[in-house]
C-alpha atoms as a PDB file:
ATOM      1  CA  MET A   1     -18.297   1.858   5.393  1.00  0.00           C
ATOM      2  CA  ASN A   2     -16.699   4.114   8.000  1.00  0.00           C
ATOM      3  CA  ASP A   3     -15.456   7.714   7.610  1.00  0.00           C
ATOM      4  CA  TYR A   4     -11.861   6.545   7.170  1.00  0.00           C
ATOM      5  CA  GLU A   5     -12.750   4.368   4.194  1.00  0.00           C
ATOM      6  CA  GLU A   6     -14.647   7.222   2.570  1.00  0.00           C
ATOM      7  CA  LEU A   7     -11.502   9.388   2.637  1.00  0.00           C
ATOM      8  CA  MET A   8      -9.231   6.784   1.092  1.00  0.00           C
ATOM      9  CA  PRO A   9      -8.711   7.138  -2.660  1.00  0.00           C
ATOM     10  CA  GLN A  10      -9.598   4.213  -4.881  1.00  0.00           C
ATOM     11  CA  ILE A  11      -7.044   3.062  -7.434  1.00  0.00           C
ATOM     12  CA  THR A  12      -7.238   0.564 -10.255  1.00  0.00           C
ATOM     13  CA  VAL A  13      -4.258  -1.674 -10.984  1.00  0.00           C
ATOM     14  CA  SER A  14      -3.610  -4.416 -13.490  1.00  0.00           C
ATOM     15  CA  ASP A  15      -4.069  -8.044 -12.482  1.00  0.00           C
ATOM     16  CA  GLN A  16      -0.312  -8.548 -12.843  1.00  0.00           C
ATOM     17  CA  LEU A  17       0.511  -5.694 -10.460  1.00  0.00           C
ATOM     18  CA  TYR A  18      -2.155  -6.862  -8.020  1.00  0.00           C
ATOM     19  CA  ARG A  19      -0.599 -10.341  -7.926  1.00  0.00           C
ATOM     20  CA  LYS A  20       2.835  -8.807  -7.253  1.00  0.00           C
ATOM     21  CA  LEU A  21       1.407  -6.722  -4.428  1.00  0.00           C
ATOM     22  CA  GLU A  22      -0.304  -9.767  -2.942  1.00  0.00           C
ATOM     23  CA  GLU A  23       2.994 -11.682  -3.063  1.00  0.00           C
ATOM     24  CA  ALA A  24       4.794  -8.786  -1.376  1.00  0.00           C
ATOM     25  CA  THR A  25       2.389  -8.803   1.569  1.00  0.00           C
ATOM     26  CA  GLU A  26       3.785 -12.164   2.703  1.00  0.00           C
ATOM     27  CA  ASP A  27       0.420 -13.281   4.144  1.00  0.00           C
ATOM     28  CA  ARG A  28       0.010 -10.076   6.176  1.00  0.00           C
ATOM     29  CA  ASP A  29      -2.949  -7.728   6.025  1.00  0.00           C
ATOM     30  CA  THR A  30      -2.789  -6.133   2.574  1.00  0.00           C
ATOM     31  CA  GLU A  31      -3.596  -2.636   3.830  1.00  0.00           C
ATOM     32  CA  ASP A  32      -0.881  -2.773   6.516  1.00  0.00           C
ATOM     33  CA  ALA A  33       1.623  -3.998   3.945  1.00  0.00           C
ATOM     34  CA  MET A  34       0.683  -1.195   1.543  1.00  0.00           C
ATOM     35  CA  TRP A  35       1.152   1.444   4.250  1.00  0.00           C
ATOM     36  CA  GLU A  36       4.574  -0.037   5.034  1.00  0.00           C
ATOM     37  CA  MET A  37       5.514   0.114   1.340  1.00  0.00           C
ATOM     38  CA  VAL A  38       4.428   3.768   1.172  1.00  0.00           C
ATOM     39  CA  TYR A  39       6.459   4.540   4.311  1.00  0.00           C
ATOM     40  CA  ARG A  40       9.562   2.848   2.926  1.00  0.00           C
ATOM     41  CA  PHE A  41       9.197   4.627  -0.412  1.00  0.00           C
ATOM     42  CA  ASP A  42       8.802   7.971   1.327  1.00  0.00           C
ATOM     43  CA  ARG A  43      11.816   7.345   3.580  1.00  0.00           C
ATOM     44  CA  GLY A  44      13.908   6.360   0.568  1.00  0.00           C
ATOM     45  CA  ASN A  45      13.017   9.599  -1.190  1.00  0.00           C
ATOM     46  CA  ASN A  46      13.213  11.834   1.902  1.00  0.00           C
ATOM     47  CA  PRO A  47      16.058  10.391   4.001  1.00  0.00           C
ATOM     48  CA  SER A  48      16.372  13.535   6.152  1.00  0.00           C
ATOM     49  CA  GLU A  49      13.032  12.822   7.843  1.00  0.00           C
END
């Protein structure tokens, strides 16, 4: 485990939500897809940035 992984929070999600997240990644790296989702959410809630 590297330093970056030690800083990342761990979350627990239901199997149903996990399956939806996996589908949303569209065969991309799950972590990259999650960061993109966070970015899009943030942009949608802070459009001035």
